[in-house]
C-alpha atoms as a PDB file:
ATOM      1  CA  UNK A   1       2.768  -6.318  -4.094  1.00  0.00           C
ATOM      2  CA  UNK A   2       1.221  -8.888  -5.916  1.00  0.00           C
ATOM      3  CA  UNK A   3       1.132  -9.479  -9.267  1.00  0.00           C
ATOM      4  CA  UNK A   4      -0.452 -11.753 -12.182  1.00  0.00           C
ATOM      5  CA  UNK A   5       2.367 -14.014 -14.284  1.00  0.00           C
ATOM      6  CA  UNK A   6       1.441 -11.422 -17.124  1.00  0.00           C
ATOM      7  CA  UNK A   7       2.987  -8.899 -15.030  1.00  0.00           C
ATOM      8  CA  UNK A   8      -0.188  -7.109 -13.759  1.00  0.00           C
ATOM      9  CA  UNK A   9      -1.145  -5.976 -10.290  1.00  0.00           C
ATOM     10  CA  UNK A  10      -5.036  -4.901 -10.843  1.00  0.00           C
ATOM     11  CA  UNK A  11      -7.294  -5.172 -13.719  1.00  0.00           C
ATOM     12  CA  UNK A  12      -8.292  -2.218 -15.904  1.00  0.00           C
ATOM     13  CA  UNK A  13     -11.751  -2.393 -14.627  1.00  0.00           C
ATOM     14  CA  UNK A  14     -13.856  -4.286 -12.106  1.00  0.00           C
ATOM     15  CA  UNK A  15     -17.638  -3.988 -11.050  1.00  0.00           C
ATOM     16  CA  UNK A  16     -16.963  -3.262  -7.154  1.00  0.00           C
ATOM     17  CA  UNK A  17     -14.863  -1.436  -4.777  1.00  0.00           C
ATOM     18  CA  UNK A  18     -13.282  -4.373  -3.402  1.00  0.00           C
ATOM     19  CA  UNK A  19      -9.648  -5.948  -4.180  1.00  0.00           C
ATOM     20  CA  UNK A  20      -9.134  -8.157  -7.067  1.00  0.00           C
ATOM     21  CA  UNK A  21      -7.281 -11.043  -5.414  1.00  0.00           C
ATOM     22  CA  UNK A  22      -4.050 -12.251  -7.521  1.00  0.00           C
ATOM     23  CA  UNK A  23      -2.417 -14.513  -4.197  1.00  0.00           C
ATOM     24  CA  UNK A  24      -3.338 -17.309  -2.760  1.00  0.00           C
ATOM     25  CA  UNK A  25      -4.821 -17.274   1.203  1.00  0.00           C
ATOM     26  CA  UNK A  26      -1.318 -18.352   2.213  1.00  0.00           C
ATOM     27  CA  UNK A  27       0.622 -15.310   0.963  1.00  0.00           C
ATOM     28  CA  UNK A  28      -2.665 -12.973   2.027  1.00  0.00           C
ATOM     29  CA  UNK A  29      -1.743 -14.147   5.829  1.00  0.00           C
ATOM     30  CA  UNK A  30       1.671 -13.297   5.412  1.00  0.00           C
ATOM     31  CA  UNK A  31       0.875 -10.577   3.879  1.00  0.00           C
ATOM     32  CA  UNK A  32      -1.222  -9.956   7.509  1.00  0.00           C
ATOM     33  CA  UNK A  33       1.650 -11.350   9.389  1.00  0.00           C
ATOM     34  CA  UNK A  34       4.015  -8.865   7.575  1.00  0.00           C
ATOM     35  CA  UNK A  35       1.842  -6.166   8.217  1.00  0.00           C
ATOM     36  CA  UNK A  36       1.961  -6.800  12.598  1.00  0.00           C
ATOM     37  CA  UNK A  37       5.385  -7.035  12.479  1.00  0.00           C
ATOM     38  CA  UNK A  38       5.462  -2.935  10.745  1.00  0.00           C
ATOM     39  CA  UNK A  39       4.676   0.073  11.959  1.00  0.00           C
ATOM     40  CA  UNK A  40       2.461   1.357   9.456  1.00  0.00           C
ATOM     41  CA  UNK A  41       1.259   0.726   5.825  1.00  0.00           C
ATOM     42  CA  UNK A  42       0.708   2.943   3.578  1.00  0.00           C
ATOM     43  CA  UNK A  43      -1.355   3.080  -0.258  1.00  0.00           C
ATOM     44  CA  UNK A  44      -2.356   5.910  -2.896  1.00  0.00           C
ATOM     45  CA  UNK A  45      -5.750   7.505  -3.550  1.00  0.00           C
ATOM     46  CA  UNK A  46      -6.345   4.837  -6.437  1.00  0.00           C
ATOM     47  CA  UNK A  47      -6.064   1.848  -4.061  1.00  0.00           C
ATOM     48  CA  UNK A  48      -8.010   3.129  -1.565  1.00  0.00           C
ATOM     49  CA  UNK A  49     -11.130   3.717  -3.991  1.00  0.00           C
ATOM     50  CA  UNK A  50     -11.058   1.127  -6.845  1.00  0.00           C
ATOM     51  CA  UNK A  51     -10.184  -1.516  -3.432  1.00  0.00           C
ATOM     52  CA  UNK A  52     -11.630   0.062  -0.521  1.00  0.00           C
ATOM     53  CA  UNK A  53      -8.811  -1.513   1.838  1.00  0.00           C
ATOM     54  CA  UNK A  54      -9.010  -2.176   5.410  1.00  0.00           C
ATOM     55  CA  UNK A  55      -5.252  -1.832   5.398  1.00  0.00           C
ATOM     56  CA  UNK A  56      -5.171  -3.667   9.313  1.00  0.00           C
ATOM     57  CA  UNK A  57      -4.263  -7.734  10.555  1.00  0.00           C
ATOM     58  CA  UNK A  58      -7.481  -9.859  10.179  1.00  0.00           C
ATOM     59  CA  UNK A  59      -5.701 -13.574   9.275  1.00  0.00           C
ATOM     60  CA  UNK A  60      -2.512 -12.748  11.819  1.00  0.00           C
ATOM     61  CA  UNK A  61      -2.236 -12.080  15.152  1.00  0.00           C
ATOM     62  CA  UNK A  62      -0.750  -8.714  16.554  1.00  0.00           C
ATOM     63  CA  UNK A  63      -1.194  -5.202  16.283  1.00  0.00           C
ATOM     64  CA  UNK A  64      -2.327  -3.138  13.320  1.00  0.00           C
ATOM     65  CA  UNK A  65      -0.119  -1.004  11.758  1.00  0.00           C
ATOM     66  CA  UNK A  66      -0.459   2.985  11.241  1.00  0.00           C
ATOM     67  CA  UNK A  67      -2.144   3.767   8.288  1.00  0.00           C
ATOM     68  CA  UNK A  68      -0.807   6.217   6.183  1.00  0.00           C
ATOM     69  CA  UNK A  69      -3.169   7.285   3.094  1.00  0.00           C
ATOM     70  CA  UNK A  70      -1.810   9.439   0.243  1.00  0.00           C
ATOM     71  CA  UNK A  71      -4.860  11.442  -0.700  1.00  0.00           C
ATOM     72  CA  UNK A  72      -4.027  14.519  -2.739  1.00  0.00           C
ATOM     73  CA  UNK A  73      -7.493  16.255  -3.692  1.00  0.00           C
ATOM     74  CA  UNK A  74      -9.421  14.128  -0.805  1.00  0.00           C
ATOM     75  CA  UNK A  75     -11.101  11.912  -3.023  1.00  0.00           C
ATOM     76  CA  UNK A  76     -11.798   8.955  -0.989  1.00  0.00           C
ATOM     77  CA  UNK A  77     -15.283   8.958   0.003  1.00  0.00           C
ATOM     78  CA  UNK A  78     -15.951   9.985   3.567  1.00  0.00           C
ATOM     79  CA  UNK A  79     -17.224   6.344   4.753  1.00  0.00           C
ATOM     80  CA  UNK A  80     -14.334   4.252   3.243  1.00  0.00           C
ATOM     81  CA  UNK A  81     -12.897   1.954   5.450  1.00  0.00           C
ATOM     82  CA  UNK A  82      -9.712   3.882   6.129  1.00  0.00           C
ATOM     83  CA  UNK A  83     -11.681   6.702   7.694  1.00  0.00           C
ATOM     84  CA  UNK A  84     -13.681   4.076   9.686  1.00  0.00           C
ATOM     85  CA  UNK A  85     -11.622   5.314  13.003  1.00  0.00           C
ATOM     86  CA  UNK A  86     -10.935   1.797  14.082  1.00  0.00           C
ATOM     87  CA  UNK A  87      -7.090   2.479  13.481  1.00  0.00           C
ATOM     88  CA  UNK A  88      -4.887   5.199  13.583  1.00  0.00           C
ATOM     89  CA  UNK A  89      -4.744   7.173  10.028  1.00  0.00           C
ATOM     90  CA  UNK A  90      -2.591   9.895   8.522  1.00  0.00           C
ATOM     91  CA  UNK A  91      -3.575  11.612   5.443  1.00  0.00           C
ATOM     92  CA  UNK A  92      -1.735  12.648   3.330  1.00  0.00           C
ATOM     93  CA  UNK A  93      -3.377  15.807   1.190  1.00  0.00           C
ATOM     94  CA  UNK A  94      -2.670  18.839  -0.400  1.00  0.00           C
ATOM     95  CA  UNK A  95      -1.053  21.835   1.317  1.00  0.00           C
ATOM     96  CA  UNK A  96      -4.694  24.244   1.472  1.00  0.00           C
ATOM     97  CA  UNK A  97      -6.666  21.217   1.339  1.00  0.00           C
ATOM     98  CA  UNK A  98     -10.302  22.008   2.992  1.00  0.00           C
ATOM     99  CA  UNK A  99      -9.984  18.888   5.479  1.00  0.00           C
ATOM    100  CA  UNK A 100     -13.083  17.928   7.232  1.00  0.00           C
ATOM    101  CA  UNK A 101     -14.564  15.917  10.326  1.00  0.00           C
ATOM    102  CA  UNK A 102     -14.330  12.119   9.621  1.00  0.00           C
ATOM    103  CA  UNK A 103     -16.143  11.513  13.428  1.00  0.00           C
ATOM    104  CA  UNK A 104     -12.584   9.955  14.914  1.00  0.00           C
ATOM    105  CA  UNK A 105      -9.311  11.160  16.308  1.00  0.00           C
ATOM    106  CA  UNK A 106      -7.858   7.793  15.128  1.00  0.00           C
ATOM    107  CA  UNK A 107      -7.805  10.245  11.386  1.00  0.00           C
ATOM    108  CA  UNK A 108      -5.236  13.041  11.607  1.00  0.00           C
ATOM    109  CA  UNK A 109      -4.243  15.396   8.451  1.00  0.00           C
ATOM    110  CA  UNK A 110      -1.041  15.852   6.894  1.00  0.00           C
ATOM    111  CA  UNK A 111       0.012  18.422   4.404  1.00  0.00           C
ATOM    112  CA  UNK A 112       2.622  17.385   1.315  1.00  0.00           C
ATOM    113  CA  UNK A 113       3.405  19.443  -1.800  1.00  0.00           C
ATOM    114  CA  UNK A 114       2.394  17.021  -4.608  1.00  0.00           C
ATOM    115  CA  UNK A 115       4.975  18.656  -6.805  1.00  0.00           C
ATOM    116  CA  UNK A 116       8.378  16.904  -6.027  1.00  0.00           C
ATOM    117  CA  UNK A 117      10.017  14.857  -3.631  1.00  0.00           C
ATOM    118  CA  UNK A 118       7.143  13.043  -2.463  1.00  0.00           C
ATOM    119  CA  UNK A 119       8.669  10.019  -0.885  1.00  0.00           C
ATOM    120  CA  UNK A 120      10.955  12.282   0.875  1.00  0.00           C
ATOM    121  CA  UNK A 121       8.087  14.820   2.189  1.00  0.00           C
ATOM    122  CA  UNK A 122       6.666  11.000   3.487  1.00  0.00           C
ATOM    123  CA  UNK A 123       9.430   9.940   5.385  1.00  0.00           C
ATOM    124  CA  UNK A 124       9.875  13.204   6.707  1.00  0.00           C
ATOM    125  CA  UNK A 125       5.656  12.768   8.242  1.00  0.00           C
ATOM    126  CA  UNK A 126       6.219   9.298   8.946  1.00  0.00           C
ATOM    127  CA  UNK A 127       9.836  10.551  10.898  1.00  0.00           C
ATOM    128  CA  UNK A 128       7.403  13.229  12.420  1.00  0.00           C
ATOM    129  CA  UNK A 129       4.902  10.512  13.985  1.00  0.00           C
ATOM    130  CA  UNK A 130       7.764   8.100  15.340  1.00  0.00           C
ATOM    131  CA  UNK A 131       7.187   5.635  12.728  1.00  0.00           C
ATOM    132  CA  UNK A 132      10.389   3.486  12.177  1.00  0.00           C
ATOM    133  CA  UNK A 133       9.024   1.195   9.345  1.00  0.00           C
ATOM    134  CA  UNK A 134       6.428   1.313   6.541  1.00  0.00           C
ATOM    135  CA  UNK A 135       5.096  -1.328   4.068  1.00  0.00           C
ATOM    136  CA  UNK A 136       4.290   0.480   0.641  1.00  0.00           C
ATOM    137  CA  UNK A 137       1.274  -1.604  -0.699  1.00  0.00           C
ATOM    138  CA  UNK A 138       0.478   0.054  -3.385  1.00  0.00           C
ATOM    139  CA  UNK A 139      -0.919   0.746  -5.762  1.00  0.00           C
ATOM    140  CA  UNK A 140       1.748   0.854  -9.175  1.00  0.00           C
ATOM    141  CA  UNK A 141       2.285   4.731  -9.069  1.00  0.00           C
ATOM    142  CA  UNK A 142       3.253   4.674  -5.042  1.00  0.00           C
ATOM    143  CA  UNK A 143       4.875   1.859  -5.215  1.00  0.00           C
ATOM    144  CA  UNK A 144       7.245   3.472  -8.510  1.00  0.00           C
ATOM    145  CA  UNK A 145       7.784   7.026  -6.471  1.00  0.00           C
ATOM    146  CA  UNK A 146       9.545   5.208  -3.406  1.00  0.00           C
ATOM    147  CA  UNK A 147      11.844   3.128  -6.221  1.00  0.00           C
ATOM    148  CA  UNK A 148      12.438   5.824  -8.303  1.00  0.00           C
ATOM    149  CA  UNK A 149      13.542   7.740  -5.300  1.00  0.00           C
ATOM    150  CA  UNK A 150      15.203   4.824  -4.101  1.00  0.00           C
ATOM    151  CA  UNK A 151      13.974   4.817  -0.718  1.00  0.00           C
ATOM    152  CA  UNK A 152      13.356   1.184  -0.336  1.00  0.00           C
ATOM    153  CA  UNK A 153      15.210  -1.910   1.356  1.00  0.00           C
ATOM    154  CA  UNK A 154      13.537  -4.971   0.536  1.00  0.00           C
ATOM    155  CA  UNK A 155      10.939  -5.957  -1.947  1.00  0.00           C
ATOM    156  CA  UNK A 156       8.717  -8.727  -1.967  1.00  0.00           C
ATOM    157  CA  UNK A 157       6.624  -9.581  -5.141  1.00  0.00           C
ATOM    158  CA  UNK A 158       4.045 -12.298  -4.907  1.00  0.00           C
ATOM    159  CA  UNK A 159       3.358 -13.878  -8.532  1.00  0.00           C
ATOM    160  CA  UNK A 160      -0.295 -15.363  -8.499  1.00  0.00           C
ATOM    161  CA  UNK A 161      -1.596 -17.942 -10.681  1.00  0.00           C
ATOM    162  CA  UNK A 162      -3.655 -15.542 -11.515  1.00  0.00           C
ATOM    163  CA  UNK A 163      -4.153 -13.892 -15.422  1.00  0.00           C
ATOM    164  CA  UNK A 164      -5.893 -10.772 -16.552  1.00  0.00           C
ATOM    165  CA  UNK A 165      -5.844  -9.505 -20.942  1.00  0.00           C
ATOM    166  CA  UNK A 166      -5.553  -6.169 -20.137  1.00  0.00           C
ATOM    167  CA  UNK A 167      -4.883  -4.318 -16.685  1.00  0.00           C
ATOM    168  CA  UNK A 168      -2.553  -2.078 -14.543  1.00  0.00           C
ATOM    169  CA  UNK A 169       1.220  -2.969 -14.785  1.00  0.00           C
ATOM    170  CA  UNK A 170       3.228  -3.785 -11.890  1.00  0.00           C
ATOM    171  CA  UNK A 171       6.106  -1.491 -11.032  1.00  0.00           C
ATOM    172  CA  UNK A 172       9.405  -1.545 -12.613  1.00  0.00           C
ATOM    173  CA  UNK A 173      12.090  -3.014 -10.169  1.00  0.00           C
ATOM    174  CA  UNK A 174      15.670  -3.539 -11.234  1.00  0.00           C
ATOM    175  CA  UNK A 175      17.455  -5.517  -8.172  1.00  0.00           C
ATOM    176  CA  UNK A 176      19.374  -8.490  -6.673  1.00  0.00           C
ATOM    177  CA  UNK A 177      16.711 -11.201  -5.737  1.00  0.00           C
ATOM    178  CA  UNK A 178      17.839 -12.249  -2.663  1.00  0.00           C
ATOM    179  CA  UNK A 179      15.568 -15.324  -2.149  1.00  0.00           C
ATOM    180  CA  UNK A 180      12.609 -17.221  -3.889  1.00  0.00           C
ATOM    181  CA  UNK A 181      10.077 -19.086  -2.674  1.00  0.00           C
ATOM    182  CA  UNK A 182       6.830 -21.272  -3.596  1.00  0.00           C
ATOM    183  CA  UNK A 183       3.604 -20.523  -1.657  1.00  0.00           C
ATOM    184  CA  UNK A 184       1.469 -23.739  -2.718  1.00  0.00           C
ATOM    185  CA  UNK A 185       0.815 -21.837  -6.503  1.00  0.00           C
ATOM    186  CA  UNK A 186       2.487 -18.495  -5.998  1.00  0.00           C
ATOM    187  CA  UNK A 187       5.689 -17.754  -6.193  1.00  0.00           C
ATOM    188  CA  UNK A 188       7.146 -14.923  -3.675  1.00  0.00           C
ATOM    189  CA  UNK A 189      10.496 -13.257  -4.904  1.00  0.00           C
ATOM    190  CA  UNK A 190      12.220 -11.263  -2.884  1.00  0.00           C
ATOM    191  CA  UNK A 191      14.332  -8.522  -3.753  1.00  0.00           C
ATOM    192  CA  UNK A 192      17.165  -5.863  -1.365  1.00  0.00           C
ATOM    193  CA  UNK A 193      18.144  -2.611  -2.450  1.00  0.00           C
ATOM    194  CA  UNK A 194      22.080  -2.725  -2.077  1.00  0.00           C
END
């Protein structure tokens, strides 16, 4: 994830449904490189609604990851980028949710119980679809779910030269830093889960 110097991953409010960039263009390009190297990418409902991300590879060459989207109550609008059919997308929703046709055979629905063990259930679904690796790109609640379940290998935290007076706090991570790199005016901290 990317966070400001003050530890925020997003402002509390914004006018448009697009990302507020915290990291610089070089860090963003590195993220696209990482996306091309992994099998899947996962975001939660709030990130999908607030940012309307494409979750594909645009600033690097390579394959797009499978998009995994948490949407318990199917609140993400049908015209959102994650439903555009350009990339295989697995929507994880509440058991018993009324699913809809979103105009593409690339969009699949899977049901999970959002009351407990969410991260473990997501891993089961990933295994079912032969997905071997996943980048959790946010938001804070989704990231924290995997951190708290201890289901992560490595965390890359980009600290941008950006600040907000108020915002959504970054996840809490207590782990060993294995590397720190400067990417122009950003700092990348890489943590490992021993």
